[in-house]
Structures are given as structure tokens and as C-alpha cells.
Amino acid sequence: MSETILPAIASASQEAAIVAALGKRSVVLVGMMGAGKSTIGRRMATRLRLPFVDADNEIEAAAGMSIPDIFEVHGEPHFRDGEARVIARLLDSGPILLATGGGAFLREETRQRIRDKAISLWLKADADVILRRVRRRENRPLLKTADPAATIARLIEARHPFYEQTDITIDSRDVPHEKIVEESIVALHEHLFRPHTASAITEPTGDPLSPHL
């Protein structure tokens, strides 16, 4: 179950302690398109002095084409297989701060790799926030529909049960980016240094591979 941490202020000593406690593990950001994974991730990486990697950029570099083109030419199953391979490779190269695509965490083998090799952090954004942030972008194939708001609502309903399996939840809302970064770093420190009890993970039911990007 993902834990939501109340706002606080991180210190340089906390940041150093986080990096030391991570060891070879990475920090992985998950969440919907428009949740701020790349924007927040870059700033977090700078604060923690970790390399920042955007999984979507790595996938495009490996394929030699854009993600929309991969979907159009090869189809979603091909993309998902490549996405899983790229994320596995990146996690093996840790520690890094990794921003993943919106559908990556829905794949069971990827969730398991992240559990084994990283701390996962869900940037949770409301539907209206997501719509405002992405409606002007042309690289979101799933939103090229008659009703983008309904599409976002459907994706949220399908994905949130999977995102809830992350280690930490941070509310991504319209506040200065540094505030979200601060809360995320405090949350990481709290997660790493607070005693935890083992608990069973309940897998959501249904088809996680019904279209998502």
C-alpha cells in the first residue's frame, strides 16, 4: 500500500542520507501522463545528485522512432515488450532517478523489478489537473478522441489500483514545482528510515494492457 507523507522541509543531511540508504537502488516515479514525472524527476535528481533518466526517451532512442510511431508501425504489444526490456536495463544500471511512462507500472514483471531494485513514488494528479496539462500537447495518442476528459477518467479508473501498490504517494497539484520536490524528498527519507512491517500485496484484477500510454 502506498503511503502519503505530510509536507515537511528536507535538509541537505536528509538528502545525503537518502542516497546512502538507497545504495544501488533507484527511485522510480510512476503516474498518469501530465502528472509531472519528468519535471519533478529532473529537480529531484539534481537535489539528490542522481542521474535522471526518462524511460520514454530511452525507448525512443533504442527504437530510433517516436513512441506514437512505434504504436502505429509495430503496435502496442511490441511497444510494451520493449518498454519492459528498457526499464529492466535501466534499473540494472542504478542508482538513478527514473521517470516511467504512464502504462509501465501496469505490467507485473516491471512492478516486480521495481520492487526489487527501487523505491517507487506515485505522483497522483486529479483528472482536471491532467487535462489542463496535456490538452495542448500533440504527442498523446490516447487523447486524440472525441472526449479526452472521458478518456482520462477511464484511464485513471483502470490504473489507480496498480499505482496504489507504490511505496509512496505524493499529490501532484498546481503548486510551485519545488514544493512537490520538497515533499517527495521528505517522503523518501521517511520511507527509508521508518520501520516497516511486512504486508501482502493484492494484485488488481482485470486486463491492465487495455490501451494505455
Protein backbone atom coordinates (compact mmCIF):
# COMPACT_ATOMS: atom_id res chain seq x y z
CA MET A 1 0.00 0.00 0.00
CA SER A 2 1.37 3.37 -0.96
CA GLU A 3 1.91 5.80 1.91
CA THR A 4 1.13 9.50 1.71
CA ILE A 5 3.59 11.71 3.58
CA LEU A 6 2.62 15.09 5.01
CA PRO A 7 4.64 18.11 3.87
CA ALA A 8 7.86 18.97 5.69
CA ILE A 9 11.21 20.50 4.84
CA ALA A 10 14.13 18.39 3.64
CA SER A 11 17.71 19.17 4.64
CA ALA A 12 21.00 18.51 2.89
CA SER A 13 21.76 15.88 5.53
CA GLN A 14 18.49 14.12 4.73
CA GLU A 15 19.32 14.13 1.04
CA ALA A 16 22.72 12.60 1.69
CA ALA A 17 21.15 10.01 3.99
CA ILE A 18 18.65 9.06 1.28
CA VAL A 19 21.39 8.42 -1.26
CA ALA A 20 23.39 6.37 1.24
CA ALA A 21 20.34 4.32 2.22
CA LEU A 22 19.41 3.66 -1.40
CA GLY A 23 22.73 2.01 -2.13
CA LYS A 24 22.34 0.50 -5.60
CA ARG A 25 18.58 1.01 -5.65
CA SER A 26 16.91 3.64 -7.80
CA VAL A 27 13.95 5.96 -7.29
CA VAL A 28 11.17 5.35 -9.82
CA LEU A 29 8.38 7.84 -10.49
CA VAL A 30 5.07 6.47 -11.76
CA GLY A 31 1.74 8.05 -12.57
CA MET A 32 -0.51 9.33 -15.31
CA MET A 33 0.56 11.42 -18.27
CA GLY A 34 0.80 15.03 -17.13
CA ALA A 35 1.45 14.12 -13.50
CA GLY A 36 4.85 15.82 -13.64
CA LYS A 37 7.17 12.82 -13.60
CA SER A 38 9.79 14.34 -15.88
CA THR A 39 9.56 17.88 -14.48
CA ILE A 40 9.65 16.80 -10.83
CA GLY A 41 12.07 13.98 -11.55
CA ARG A 42 14.74 16.26 -13.00
CA ARG A 43 14.60 18.54 -9.98
CA MET A 44 14.65 15.63 -7.53
CA ALA A 45 17.64 14.13 -9.32
CA THR A 46 19.52 17.41 -9.02
CA ARG A 47 18.79 17.61 -5.30
CA LEU A 48 19.84 14.00 -4.72
CA ARG A 49 22.75 14.15 -7.17
CA LEU A 50 21.46 11.14 -9.06
CA PRO A 51 21.35 10.75 -12.85
CA PHE A 52 17.89 11.49 -14.22
CA VAL A 53 16.55 9.16 -16.92
CA ASP A 54 13.24 9.38 -18.77
CA ALA A 55 12.22 5.87 -19.82
CA ASP A 56 10.20 7.12 -22.80
CA ASN A 57 13.24 8.95 -24.17
CA GLU A 58 15.33 5.80 -23.77
CA ILE A 59 12.71 3.74 -25.59
CA GLU A 60 12.64 6.19 -28.48
CA ALA A 61 16.43 6.19 -28.69
CA ALA A 62 16.57 2.39 -28.71
CA ALA A 63 13.85 2.13 -31.37
CA GLY A 64 15.02 5.04 -33.50
CA MET A 65 11.47 6.41 -33.68
CA SER A 66 8.92 8.24 -31.57
CA ILE A 67 6.51 6.40 -29.29
CA PRO A 68 3.47 7.37 -31.40
CA ASP A 69 5.29 5.95 -34.44
CA ILE A 70 6.16 2.75 -32.56
CA PHE A 71 2.48 2.29 -31.75
CA GLU A 72 1.44 3.00 -35.34
CA VAL A 73 4.06 0.84 -37.06
CA HIS A 74 4.53 -2.05 -34.62
CA GLY A 75 1.53 -1.95 -32.31
CA GLU A 76 1.14 -1.72 -28.55
CA PRO A 77 2.30 -5.27 -27.60
CA HIS A 78 5.63 -4.62 -29.34
CA PHE A 79 5.98 -1.31 -27.52
CA ARG A 80 5.16 -2.83 -24.12
CA ASP A 81 7.71 -5.59 -24.58
CA GLY A 82 10.38 -3.06 -25.49
CA GLU A 83 9.37 -0.80 -22.61
CA ALA A 84 9.79 -3.66 -20.13
CA ARG A 85 13.23 -4.51 -21.50
CA VAL A 86 14.41 -0.90 -21.38
CA ILE A 87 13.22 -0.39 -17.80
CA ALA A 88 14.89 -3.63 -16.72
CA ARG A 89 18.17 -2.46 -18.26
CA LEU A 90 17.92 0.95 -16.65
CA LEU A 91 17.22 -0.50 -13.21
CA ASP A 92 20.27 -2.74 -13.56
CA SER A 93 22.37 0.39 -14.13
CA GLY A 94 21.19 2.16 -10.96
CA PRO A 95 21.11 4.09 -8.81
CA ILE A 96 19.19 6.57 -10.97
CA LEU A 97 16.04 8.63 -10.73
CA LEU A 98 13.77 7.11 -13.35
CA ALA A 99 10.56 8.59 -14.77
CA THR A 100 8.38 5.89 -16.36
CA GLY A 101 5.57 6.05 -18.90
CA GLY A 102 2.00 6.03 -17.65
CA GLY A 103 1.37 2.39 -18.53
CA ALA A 104 4.71 0.88 -17.49
CA PHE A 105 3.77 0.08 -13.89
CA LEU A 106 0.74 -1.91 -15.01
CA ARG A 107 2.94 -4.75 -16.25
CA GLU A 108 3.52 -7.28 -13.48
CA GLU A 109 7.12 -8.12 -14.36
CA THR A 110 8.00 -4.42 -14.36
CA ARG A 111 6.33 -3.87 -10.98
CA GLN A 112 8.31 -6.76 -9.56
CA ARG A 113 11.61 -5.42 -10.92
CA ILE A 114 10.84 -2.02 -9.41
CA ARG A 115 10.03 -3.63 -6.04
CA ASP A 116 13.33 -5.50 -6.15
CA LYS A 117 15.58 -2.68 -7.30
CA ALA A 118 13.96 0.65 -6.44
CA ILE A 119 11.72 2.77 -4.27
CA SER A 120 8.56 3.68 -6.19
CA LEU A 121 6.83 7.04 -5.86
CA TRP A 122 3.41 7.79 -7.36
CA LEU A 123 2.74 11.36 -8.43
CA LYS A 124 -1.03 11.36 -8.07
CA ALA A 125 -2.84 14.03 -10.09
CA ASP A 126 -6.56 14.69 -10.37
CA ALA A 127 -8.28 14.37 -13.74
CA ASP A 128 -8.80 18.10 -14.19
CA VAL A 129 -5.13 18.81 -13.48
CA ILE A 130 -4.05 16.18 -16.00
CA LEU A 131 -6.38 17.51 -18.67
CA ARG A 132 -5.16 21.08 -18.25
CA ARG A 133 -1.55 19.98 -18.52
CA VAL A 134 -1.78 17.71 -21.54
CA ARG A 135 -4.56 19.12 -23.72
CA ARG A 136 -2.15 21.33 -25.70
CA ARG A 137 0.30 18.50 -26.39
CA GLU A 138 0.24 16.69 -29.73
CA ASN A 139 2.20 13.60 -28.64
CA ARG A 140 -0.55 11.90 -26.60
CA PRO A 141 -2.22 9.42 -28.98
CA LEU A 142 -4.72 8.26 -26.40
CA LEU A 143 -6.15 11.75 -26.07
CA LYS A 144 -6.90 12.14 -29.76
CA THR A 145 -10.51 11.21 -29.10
CA ALA A 146 -13.87 12.95 -29.20
CA ASP A 147 -13.87 13.21 -25.41
CA PRO A 148 -10.37 13.46 -23.88
CA ALA A 149 -11.82 14.06 -20.41
CA ALA A 150 -13.70 10.76 -20.54
CA THR A 151 -10.56 9.02 -21.76
CA ILE A 152 -8.57 10.36 -18.82
CA ALA A 153 -11.30 9.30 -16.39
CA ARG A 154 -11.28 5.78 -17.85
CA LEU A 155 -7.50 5.52 -17.63
CA ILE A 156 -7.50 6.74 -14.03
CA GLU A 157 -10.07 4.13 -13.06
CA ALA A 158 -8.03 1.36 -14.70
CA ARG A 159 -4.61 2.43 -13.48
CA HIS A 160 -5.04 3.67 -9.94
CA PRO A 161 -5.34 0.17 -8.41
CA PHE A 162 -1.86 -0.54 -9.80
CA TYR A 163 -0.36 2.82 -8.85
CA GLU A 164 -1.60 2.25 -5.29
CA GLN A 165 0.98 -0.53 -4.98
CA THR A 166 3.82 2.01 -4.98
CA ASP A 167 5.83 2.70 -1.83
CA ILE A 168 4.93 6.40 -1.58
CA THR A 169 2.20 8.72 -2.85
CA ILE A 170 2.64 12.44 -3.42
CA ASP A 171 -0.24 14.66 -4.54
CA SER A 172 0.75 16.41 -7.77
CA ARG A 173 -1.22 19.63 -7.95
CA ASP A 174 -0.82 23.15 -9.26
CA VAL A 175 1.74 24.49 -6.81
CA PRO A 176 5.37 25.50 -7.42
CA HIS A 177 7.40 22.53 -8.61
CA GLU A 178 9.87 22.88 -5.76
CA LYS A 179 7.09 22.26 -3.24
CA ILE A 180 6.35 18.86 -4.82
CA VAL A 181 10.08 18.11 -4.96
CA GLU A 182 10.44 19.01 -1.28
CA GLU A 183 7.54 16.79 -0.25
CA SER A 184 8.90 13.93 -2.37
CA ILE A 185 12.35 14.08 -0.78
CA VAL A 186 10.89 14.22 2.72
CA ALA A 187 8.70 11.25 1.83
CA LEU A 188 11.67 9.25 0.60
CA HIS A 189 13.57 9.92 3.80
CA GLU A 190 10.57 8.97 5.92
CA HIS A 191 10.03 5.76 3.95
CA LEU A 192 13.66 4.69 4.10
CA PHE A 193 14.19 5.34 7.80
CA ARG A 194 10.83 4.42 9.33
CA PRO A 195 10.38 0.78 10.42
CA HIS A 196 8.08 -1.18 8.14
CA THR A 197 6.04 -4.29 8.71
CA ALA A 198 5.60 -6.89 6.02
CA SER A 199 2.22 -6.97 4.31
CA ALA A 200 0.73 -8.95 1.48
CA ILE A 201 0.28 -7.26 -1.89
CA THR A 202 -3.09 -7.71 -3.53
CA GLU A 203 -2.98 -7.69 -7.31
CA PRO A 204 -5.79 -5.86 -9.09
CA THR A 205 -8.00 -7.89 -11.37
CA GLY A 206 -8.89 -7.13 -14.96
CA ASP A 207 -6.81 -6.50 -18.07
CA PRO A 208 -4.04 -3.96 -17.38
CA LEU A 209 -2.95 -3.92 -21.03
CA SER A 210 -6.17 -2.43 -22.38
CA PRO A 211 -4.91 0.67 -24.11
CA HIS A 212 -2.63 2.89 -22.13
CA LEU A 213 0.35 5.05 -22.89
